[in-house]
C-alpha atoms as a PDB file:
ATOM      1  CA  LEU A   1      -4.267  29.653   5.026  1.00  0.00           C
ATOM      2  CA  ILE A   2      -7.776  28.347   4.317  1.00  0.00           C
ATOM      3  CA  GLY A   3      -9.064  26.694   7.473  1.00  0.00           C
ATOM      4  CA  GLY A   4      -5.568  25.446   8.246  1.00  0.00           C
ATOM      5  CA  VAL A   5      -4.986  24.369   4.654  1.00  0.00           C
ATOM      6  CA  SER A   6      -2.583  26.314   2.440  1.00  0.00           C
ATOM      7  CA  GLU A   7      -3.781  27.786  -0.866  1.00  0.00           C
ATOM      8  CA  PRO A   8      -1.814  25.209  -2.925  1.00  0.00           C
ATOM      9  CA  GLU A   9      -3.261  22.390  -0.836  1.00  0.00           C
ATOM     10  CA  ALA A  10      -6.759  23.722  -1.353  1.00  0.00           C
ATOM     11  CA  GLU A  11      -6.163  23.822  -5.112  1.00  0.00           C
ATOM     12  CA  ALA A  12      -4.845  20.264  -5.005  1.00  0.00           C
ATOM     13  CA  LEU A  13      -8.046  19.175  -3.323  1.00  0.00           C
ATOM     14  CA  ASN A  14     -10.041  20.479  -6.321  1.00  0.00           C
ATOM     15  CA  ILE A  15     -12.780  21.654  -3.967  1.00  0.00           C
ATOM     16  CA  ARG A  16     -14.025  25.146  -4.615  1.00  0.00           C
ATOM     17  CA  ILE A  17     -17.001  27.464  -4.810  1.00  0.00           C
ATOM     18  CA  LEU A  18     -17.100  30.221  -7.404  1.00  0.00           C
ATOM     19  CA  ASN A  19     -19.151  33.407  -7.259  1.00  0.00           C
ATOM     20  CA  ALA A  20     -20.351  33.370 -10.862  1.00  0.00           C
ATOM     21  CA  ASP A  21     -23.375  33.295 -13.152  1.00  0.00           C
ATOM     22  CA  PHE A  22     -23.939  29.684 -14.185  1.00  0.00           C
ATOM     23  CA  SER A  23     -25.574  30.730 -17.453  1.00  0.00           C
ATOM     24  CA  GLU A  24     -22.401  32.569 -18.486  1.00  0.00           C
ATOM     25  CA  TRP A  25     -20.054  29.921 -17.075  1.00  0.00           C
ATOM     26  CA  ALA A  26     -21.839  27.117 -18.961  1.00  0.00           C
ATOM     27  CA  ARG A  27     -21.299  28.786 -22.327  1.00  0.00           C
ATOM     28  CA  THR A  28     -17.554  29.182 -21.857  1.00  0.00           C
ATOM     29  CA  TYR A  29     -16.481  26.138 -19.802  1.00  0.00           C
ATOM     30  CA  SER A  30     -13.812  24.029 -21.501  1.00  0.00           C
ATOM     31  CA  GLY A  31     -12.397  21.765 -18.782  1.00  0.00           C
ATOM     32  CA  LYS A  32     -12.886  18.130 -17.874  1.00  0.00           C
ATOM     33  CA  LYS A  33     -16.501  16.945 -17.878  1.00  0.00           C
ATOM     34  CA  PHE A  34     -18.537  16.118 -14.777  1.00  0.00           C
ATOM     35  CA  ASN A  35     -20.119  12.730 -14.072  1.00  0.00           C
ATOM     36  CA  LEU A  36     -22.335  13.817 -11.165  1.00  0.00           C
ATOM     37  CA  LEU A  37     -24.461  16.940 -11.131  1.00  0.00           C
ATOM     38  CA  HIS A  38     -26.368  18.125  -8.091  1.00  0.00           C
ATOM     39  CA  LEU A  39     -29.094  20.473  -9.311  1.00  0.00           C
ATOM     40  CA  ASP A  40     -30.870  22.512  -6.684  1.00  0.00           C
ATOM     41  CA  PHE A  41     -32.246  25.162  -8.995  1.00  0.00           C
ATOM     42  CA  PRO A  42     -34.986  27.524  -7.729  1.00  0.00           C
ATOM     43  CA  TYR A  43     -38.132  25.408  -7.873  1.00  0.00           C
ATOM     44  CA  GLY A  44     -40.212  27.945  -9.789  1.00  0.00           C
ATOM     45  CA  ILE A  45     -42.768  28.235  -6.981  1.00  0.00           C
ATOM     46  CA  ASN A  46     -42.318  31.948  -6.142  1.00  0.00           C
ATOM     47  CA  HIS A  47     -40.898  31.072  -2.727  1.00  0.00           C
ATOM     48  CA  ASP A  48     -39.221  34.487  -2.693  1.00  0.00           C
ATOM     49  CA  ARG A  49     -42.663  36.123  -2.437  1.00  0.00           C
ATOM     50  CA  SER A  50     -43.810  33.912   0.417  1.00  0.00           C
ATOM     51  CA  GLY A  51     -43.684  34.886   4.057  1.00  0.00           C
ATOM     52  CA  GLN A  52     -43.369  31.233   5.042  1.00  0.00           C
ATOM     53  CA  GLY A  53     -40.139  29.705   6.288  1.00  0.00           C
ATOM     54  CA  HIS A  54     -38.764  33.094   7.388  1.00  0.00           C
ATOM     55  CA  THR A  55     -37.462  33.506   3.840  1.00  0.00           C
ATOM     56  CA  LYS A  56     -36.638  37.180   4.243  1.00  0.00           C
ATOM     57  CA  ASP A  57     -34.461  36.429   7.268  1.00  0.00           C
ATOM     58  CA  PHE A  58     -32.083  34.410   5.103  1.00  0.00           C
ATOM     59  CA  GLY A  59     -31.937  36.432   1.894  1.00  0.00           C
ATOM     60  CA  THR A  60     -34.005  35.834  -1.219  1.00  0.00           C
ATOM     61  CA  TYR A  61     -33.449  34.729  -4.801  1.00  0.00           C
ATOM     62  CA  ALA A  62     -35.546  34.791  -7.972  1.00  0.00           C
ATOM     63  CA  ASP A  63     -37.869  31.776  -7.931  1.00  0.00           C
ATOM     64  CA  SER A  64     -40.162  31.929 -10.961  1.00  0.00           C
ATOM     65  CA  GLU A  65     -41.079  29.233 -13.474  1.00  0.00           C
ATOM     66  CA  ASP A  66     -39.014  31.074 -16.078  1.00  0.00           C
ATOM     67  CA  VAL A  67     -35.915  30.941 -13.876  1.00  0.00           C
ATOM     68  CA  PHE A  68     -36.231  27.202 -13.261  1.00  0.00           C
ATOM     69  CA  LYS A  69     -36.827  26.317 -16.898  1.00  0.00           C
ATOM     70  CA  SER A  70     -34.107  28.665 -18.123  1.00  0.00           C
ATOM     71  CA  LEU A  71     -31.501  27.036 -15.871  1.00  0.00           C
ATOM     72  CA  VAL A  72     -32.485  23.525 -16.979  1.00  0.00           C
ATOM     73  CA  GLN A  73     -32.361  24.540 -20.639  1.00  0.00           C
ATOM     74  CA  THR A  74     -29.030  26.337 -20.230  1.00  0.00           C
ATOM     75  CA  LEU A  75     -27.508  23.180 -18.754  1.00  0.00           C
ATOM     76  CA  LEU A  76     -28.873  20.936 -21.493  1.00  0.00           C
ATOM     77  CA  GLU A  77     -27.947  23.311 -24.307  1.00  0.00           C
ATOM     78  CA  ASN A  78     -24.340  23.153 -23.107  1.00  0.00           C
ATOM     79  CA  GLU A  79     -24.270  19.555 -21.864  1.00  0.00           C
ATOM     80  CA  GLU A  80     -21.749  18.351 -24.449  1.00  0.00           C
ATOM     81  CA  ARG A  81     -19.019  20.432 -22.828  1.00  0.00           C
ATOM     82  CA  ILE A  82     -20.157  19.913 -19.236  1.00  0.00           C
ATOM     83  CA  ILE A  83     -21.609  16.416 -18.700  1.00  0.00           C
ATOM     84  CA  SER A  84     -19.841  13.082 -19.254  1.00  0.00           C
ATOM     85  CA  SER A  85     -21.350  10.499 -21.584  1.00  0.00           C
ATOM     86  CA  SER A  86     -21.985   8.331 -18.501  1.00  0.00           C
ATOM     87  CA  ALA A  87     -23.317  10.370 -15.604  1.00  0.00           C
ATOM     88  CA  HIS A  88     -25.841  10.755 -12.824  1.00  0.00           C
ATOM     89  CA  ILE A  89     -27.883  13.886 -12.269  1.00  0.00           C
ATOM     90  CA  ILE A  90     -29.696  14.611  -9.011  1.00  0.00           C
ATOM     91  CA  CYS A  91     -32.390  17.198  -9.669  1.00  0.00           C
ATOM     92  CA  TRP A  92     -34.400  18.637  -6.774  1.00  0.00           C
ATOM     93  CA  ILE A  93     -37.740  19.706  -8.087  1.00  0.00           C
ATOM     94  CA  SER A  94     -41.307  20.857  -7.517  1.00  0.00           C
ATOM     95  CA  LEU A  95     -43.929  18.237  -8.347  1.00  0.00           C
ATOM     96  CA  ARG A  96     -45.358  20.863 -10.685  1.00  0.00           C
ATOM     97  CA  TYR A  97     -42.469  20.344 -13.135  1.00  0.00           C
ATOM     98  CA  PHE A  98     -41.867  16.578 -12.883  1.00  0.00           C
ATOM     99  CA  GLU A  99     -43.082  15.670 -16.361  1.00  0.00           C
ATOM    100  CA  TRP A 100     -41.600  18.688 -18.123  1.00  0.00           C
ATOM    101  CA  THR A 101     -38.175  18.088 -16.559  1.00  0.00           C
ATOM    102  CA  LYS A 102     -38.142  14.365 -17.331  1.00  0.00           C
ATOM    103  CA  ALA A 103     -39.041  15.100 -20.961  1.00  0.00           C
ATOM    104  CA  GLU A 104     -36.252  17.679 -21.310  1.00  0.00           C
ATOM    105  CA  PHE A 105     -33.584  15.332 -19.935  1.00  0.00           C
ATOM    106  CA  ALA A 106     -34.878  12.437 -22.057  1.00  0.00           C
ATOM    107  CA  LYS A 107     -34.044  14.480 -25.171  1.00  0.00           C
ATOM    108  CA  LYS A 108     -30.383  14.294 -24.125  1.00  0.00           C
ATOM    109  CA  GLY A 109     -30.395  10.552 -23.483  1.00  0.00           C
ATOM    110  CA  PHE A 110     -31.096  10.526 -19.740  1.00  0.00           C
ATOM    111  CA  SER A 111     -33.425   7.980 -18.193  1.00  0.00           C
ATOM    112  CA  CYS A 112     -35.186   8.772 -14.921  1.00  0.00           C
ATOM    113  CA  LEU A 113     -35.532   6.386 -12.001  1.00  0.00           C
ATOM    114  CA  MET A 114     -39.138   5.538 -11.214  1.00  0.00           C
ATOM    115  CA  GLN A 115     -38.763   6.527  -7.555  1.00  0.00           C
ATOM    116  CA  PRO A 116     -37.498   9.986  -6.618  1.00  0.00           C
ATOM    117  CA  PHE A 117     -35.275  10.485  -3.606  1.00  0.00           C
ATOM    118  CA  ILE A 118     -37.367  12.051  -0.845  1.00  0.00           C
ATOM    119  CA  TRP A 119     -36.059  14.102   2.033  1.00  0.00           C
ATOM    120  CA  HIS A 120     -38.712  13.841   4.752  1.00  0.00           C
ATOM    121  CA  LYS A 121     -38.528  16.903   6.962  1.00  0.00           C
ATOM    122  CA  SER A 122     -38.839  15.140  10.275  1.00  0.00           C
ATOM    123  CA  ASP A 123     -39.390  18.401  12.174  1.00  0.00           C
ATOM    124  CA  ASN A 124     -42.633  18.886  10.210  1.00  0.00           C
ATOM    125  CA  LYS A 125     -41.476  22.180   8.710  1.00  0.00           C
ATOM    126  CA  GLY A 126     -42.565  22.871   5.164  1.00  0.00           C
ATOM    127  CA  ILE A 127     -44.384  25.190   2.805  1.00  0.00           C
ATOM    128  CA  ILE A 128     -48.183  25.272   2.457  1.00  0.00           C
ATOM    129  CA  ALA A 129     -48.882  26.064  -1.190  1.00  0.00           C
ATOM    130  CA  ASP A 130     -52.568  26.788  -0.550  1.00  0.00           C
ATOM    131  CA  THR A 131     -53.028  28.066   2.986  1.00  0.00           C
ATOM    132  CA  GLN A 132     -56.822  27.899   2.740  1.00  0.00           C
ATOM    133  CA  CYS A 133     -57.308  24.415   1.262  1.00  0.00           C
ATOM    134  CA  GLY A 134     -53.907  22.741   1.120  1.00  0.00           C
ATOM    135  CA  MET A 135     -51.593  20.612   3.256  1.00  0.00           C
ATOM    136  CA  ARG A 136     -48.125  21.332   4.566  1.00  0.00           C
ATOM    137  CA  ASN A 137     -45.494  19.760   2.317  1.00  0.00           C
ATOM    138  CA  VAL A 138     -42.856  18.139   4.517  1.00  0.00           C
ATOM    139  CA  GLY A 139     -41.153  16.301   1.679  1.00  0.00           C
ATOM    140  CA  GLU A 140     -38.639  17.507  -0.887  1.00  0.00           C
ATOM    141  CA  TYR A 141     -38.115  15.447  -4.004  1.00  0.00           C
ATOM    142  CA  ALA A 142     -35.124  14.780  -6.220  1.00  0.00           C
ATOM    143  CA  LEU A 143     -35.383  13.091  -9.597  1.00  0.00           C
ATOM    144  CA  ILE A 144     -32.445  10.786 -10.292  1.00  0.00           C
ATOM    145  CA  PHE A 145     -31.298  10.749 -13.915  1.00  0.00           C
ATOM    146  CA  ASN A 146     -28.846   8.284 -15.425  1.00  0.00           C
ATOM    147  CA  ARG A 147     -27.069   8.276 -18.755  1.00  0.00           C
ATOM    148  CA  GLY A 148     -24.941   5.402 -20.015  1.00  0.00           C
ATOM    149  CA  ARG A 149     -26.295   2.931 -17.431  1.00  0.00           C
ATOM    150  CA  TYR A 150     -23.837   4.392 -14.959  1.00  0.00           C
ATOM    151  CA  PRO A 151     -23.980   2.078 -11.907  1.00  0.00           C
ATOM    152  CA  VAL A 152     -24.627   3.294  -8.380  1.00  0.00           C
ATOM    153  CA  LEU A 153     -22.176   2.502  -5.607  1.00  0.00           C
ATOM    154  CA  LYS A 154     -24.807   1.535  -3.055  1.00  0.00           C
ATOM    155  CA  ASN A 155     -28.533   0.821  -3.196  1.00  0.00           C
ATOM    156  CA  ILE A 156     -29.669   3.275  -0.541  1.00  0.00           C
ATOM    157  CA  SER A 157     -33.284   3.805   0.526  1.00  0.00           C
ATOM    158  CA  ASN A 158     -35.086   6.512  -1.414  1.00  0.00           C
ATOM    159  CA  ILE A 159     -36.569   8.177   1.694  1.00  0.00           C
ATOM    160  CA  PHE A 160     -34.432   9.822   4.364  1.00  0.00           C
ATOM    161  CA  PRO A 161     -35.813  11.632   7.436  1.00  0.00           C
ATOM    162  CA  HIS A 162     -33.946  14.630   8.782  1.00  0.00           C
ATOM    163  CA  PRO A 163     -34.930  17.978  10.300  1.00  0.00           C
ATOM    164  CA  THR A 164     -34.459  21.178   8.351  1.00  0.00           C
ATOM    165  CA  THR A 165     -31.295  23.235   8.798  1.00  0.00           C
ATOM    166  CA  LYS A 166     -30.766  26.864   7.889  1.00  0.00           C
ATOM    167  CA  ARG A 167     -27.243  28.041   8.509  1.00  0.00           C
ATOM    168  CA  PHE A 168     -27.680  31.082   6.275  1.00  0.00           C
ATOM    169  CA  HIS A 169     -29.804  29.991   3.285  1.00  0.00           C
ATOM    170  CA  ALA A 170     -33.593  29.597   3.340  1.00  0.00           C
ATOM    171  CA  SER A 171     -33.550  26.548   1.036  1.00  0.00           C
ATOM    172  CA  GLU A 172     -30.527  24.730   2.414  1.00  0.00           C
ATOM    173  CA  LYS A 173     -30.248  20.989   1.876  1.00  0.00           C
ATOM    174  CA  PRO A 174     -28.942  19.600   5.179  1.00  0.00           C
ATOM    175  CA  LEU A 175     -25.401  18.299   5.026  1.00  0.00           C
ATOM    176  CA  SER A 176     -26.435  14.971   6.565  1.00  0.00           C
ATOM    177  CA  VAL A 177     -29.116  14.468   3.895  1.00  0.00           C
ATOM    178  CA  LEU A 178     -26.589  14.936   1.103  1.00  0.00           C
ATOM    179  CA  GLU A 179     -24.004  12.766   2.835  1.00  0.00           C
ATOM    180  CA  ARG A 180     -26.574   9.967   2.876  1.00  0.00           C
ATOM    181  CA  LEU A 181     -27.618  10.551  -0.736  1.00  0.00           C
ATOM    182  CA  PHE A 182     -24.027  10.719  -1.973  1.00  0.00           C
ATOM    183  CA  GLU A 183     -23.317   7.251  -0.575  1.00  0.00           C
ATOM    184  CA  ALA A 184     -24.958   5.994  -3.771  1.00  0.00           C
ATOM    185  CA  PHE A 185     -22.977   8.144  -6.174  1.00  0.00           C
ATOM    186  CA  VAL A 186     -19.668   9.546  -4.897  1.00  0.00           C
ATOM    187  CA  ASP A 187     -16.241   7.907  -4.894  1.00  0.00           C
ATOM    188  CA  GLU A 188     -12.715   8.896  -5.882  1.00  0.00           C
ATOM    189  CA  LYS A 189     -13.707   8.989  -9.589  1.00  0.00           C
ATOM    190  CA  THR A 190     -16.543  11.451  -9.070  1.00  0.00           C
ATOM    191  CA  ARG A 191     -16.402  14.902 -10.598  1.00  0.00           C
ATOM    192  CA  LEU A 192     -19.229  16.831  -8.977  1.00  0.00           C
ATOM    193  CA  LEU A 193     -20.819  20.034 -10.221  1.00  0.00           C
ATOM    194  CA  ASP A 194     -23.459  22.067  -8.386  1.00  0.00           C
ATOM    195  CA  PRO A 195     -24.450  24.997 -10.642  1.00  0.00           C
ATOM    196  CA  THR A 196     -26.444  26.890  -7.974  1.00  0.00           C
ATOM    197  CA  CYS A 197     -24.810  25.691  -4.790  1.00  0.00           C
ATOM    198  CA  GLY A 198     -26.364  28.066  -2.240  1.00  0.00           C
ATOM    199  CA  SER A 199     -24.891  27.225   1.158  1.00  0.00           C
ATOM    200  CA  GLY A 200     -22.427  24.767  -0.402  1.00  0.00           C
ATOM    201  CA  THR A 201     -23.551  21.640   1.435  1.00  0.00           C
ATOM    202  CA  ALA A 202     -23.295  19.511  -1.718  1.00  0.00           C
ATOM    203  CA  ILE A 203     -19.684  20.579  -2.175  1.00  0.00           C
ATOM    204  CA  ILE A 204     -18.840  19.781   1.436  1.00  0.00           C
ATOM    205  CA  ALA A 205     -20.623  16.415   1.270  1.00  0.00           C
ATOM    206  CA  GLY A 206     -18.891  15.503  -1.981  1.00  0.00           C
ATOM    207  CA  ALA A 207     -15.511  16.433  -0.569  1.00  0.00           C
ATOM    208  CA  LYS A 208     -16.101  14.367   2.563  1.00  0.00           C
ATOM    209  CA  ALA A 209     -17.030  11.385   0.384  1.00  0.00           C
ATOM    210  CA  GLY A 210     -13.696  11.609  -1.424  1.00  0.00           C
ATOM    211  CA  ALA A 211     -14.728  12.996  -4.811  1.00  0.00           C
ATOM    212  CA  GLU A 212     -11.997  13.748  -7.320  1.00  0.00           C
ATOM    213  CA  GLU A 213     -13.395  17.248  -7.833  1.00  0.00           C
ATOM    214  CA  CYS A 214     -16.234  19.334  -6.384  1.00  0.00           C
ATOM    215  CA  LEU A 215     -17.164  22.590  -8.062  1.00  0.00           C
ATOM    216  CA  GLY A 216     -19.931  24.835  -6.783  1.00  0.00           C
ATOM    217  CA  ILE A 217     -21.196  27.934  -8.562  1.00  0.00           C
ATOM    218  CA  GLU A 218     -23.275  30.570  -6.782  1.00  0.00           C
ATOM    219  CA  LEU A 219     -24.641  33.765  -8.316  1.00  0.00           C
ATOM    220  CA  ASP A 220     -25.366  35.668  -5.113  1.00  0.00           C
ATOM    221  CA  GLY A 221     -22.183  37.233  -3.751  1.00  0.00           C
ATOM    222  CA  ASP A 222     -23.238  37.087  -0.101  1.00  0.00           C
ATOM    223  CA  PHE A 223     -24.302  33.444  -0.296  1.00  0.00           C
ATOM    224  CA  ALA A 224     -21.095  32.566  -2.143  1.00  0.00           C
ATOM    225  CA  LYS A 225     -18.907  34.259   0.466  1.00  0.00           C
ATOM    226  CA  LYS A 226     -20.618  32.500   3.363  1.00  0.00           C
ATOM    227  CA  ALA A 227     -20.473  29.147   1.553  1.00  0.00           C
ATOM    228  CA  GLN A 228     -16.750  29.628   0.871  1.00  0.00           C
ATOM    229  CA  GLU A 229     -16.155  30.406   4.547  1.00  0.00           C
ATOM    230  CA  TRP A 230     -18.033  27.286   5.645  1.00  0.00           C
ATOM    231  CA  LEU A 231     -16.140  25.181   3.128  1.00  0.00           C
ATOM    232  CA  LYS A 232     -12.849  26.567   4.427  1.00  0.00           C
ATOM    233  CA  ILE A 233     -13.742  25.437   7.934  1.00  0.00           C
ATOM    234  CA  GLU A 234     -14.363  21.903   6.640  1.00  0.00           C
ATOM    235  CA  LEU A 235     -11.216  21.623   4.525  1.00  0.00           C
ATOM    236  CA  GLU A 236      -8.869  20.912   7.410  1.00  0.00           C
ATOM    237  CA  GLY A 237     -10.788  17.766   8.317  1.00  0.00           C
ATOM    238  CA  ILE A 238     -11.039  16.387   4.795  1.00  0.00           C
ATOM    239  CA  LYS A 239      -7.774  17.409   3.153  1.00  0.00           C
ATOM    240  CA  GLY A 240      -6.051  14.113   3.906  1.00  0.00           C
ATOM    241  CA  LYS A 241      -8.906  12.093   2.379  1.00  0.00           C
ATOM    242  CA  ASN A 242      -9.345  13.910  -0.902  1.00  0.00           C
ATOM    243  CA  GLU A 243      -5.889  14.667  -2.243  1.00  0.00           C
ATOM    244  CA  VAL A 244      -5.606  13.922  -5.966  1.00  0.00           C
ATOM    245  CA  ASP A 245      -2.751  13.572  -8.412  1.00  0.00           C
ATOM    246  CA  LEU A 246      -2.969  16.741 -10.508  1.00  0.00           C
ATOM    247  CA  SER A 247      -0.712  15.241 -13.189  1.00  0.00           C
ATOM    248  CA  SER A 248      -3.649  13.117 -14.345  1.00  0.00           C
ATOM    249  CA  LEU A 249      -5.967  16.112 -14.782  1.00  0.00           C
ATOM    250  CA  SER A 250      -6.360  18.425 -17.732  1.00  0.00           C
ATOM    251  CA  PHE A 251      -7.712  21.952 -17.416  1.00  0.00           C
END
């Protein structure tokens, strides 16, 4: 049993987290395409070298500019097999790479909303990039990309206040933040992919919103195991809402 749900039931829910390397997975994937991507790639700000946010207490991950840009380019180089012709992409990002990222997605036919989605950390916790001359950043920003004029489900506000949460990952997006954000994008036709899912909150939020499929990929084995365990706990409560007819799917 997985959190009270049998293995076949869990498969039928199409909700899963894989311990895998996204760069390798992207080059070999051949299944049905995804129409919503939640990208929470490392921001390329060397957070792993910072003593702020008790990073070392929650495990670290490579967070260089090269890592961020490589993951974006890997996705876009393989987008024809991964992303639907009409799709939304939510891309959490450092302000440092706004223009570069928008330009890269534009090459593949994605337009970017003028306003990013902003998670305001209402507990005033955030990183200070320049501890001598800078300010504490208590906002995290997500660019919203659209291809094919794919309509939103609800016109939500682009700013949402919520305190930080850290169940086991230093850069966790709170479940409540993603539940609010997904009100605009997730319904029973949604096929959600999170290529670096960390604590798995996007997968849980997508499942709770009734997505057709939610697939998370996580490179770090320890993070993946803990995310799978958390997801298992949540499955019992959502299994009745997210059952799908597998006969209509092709793998």
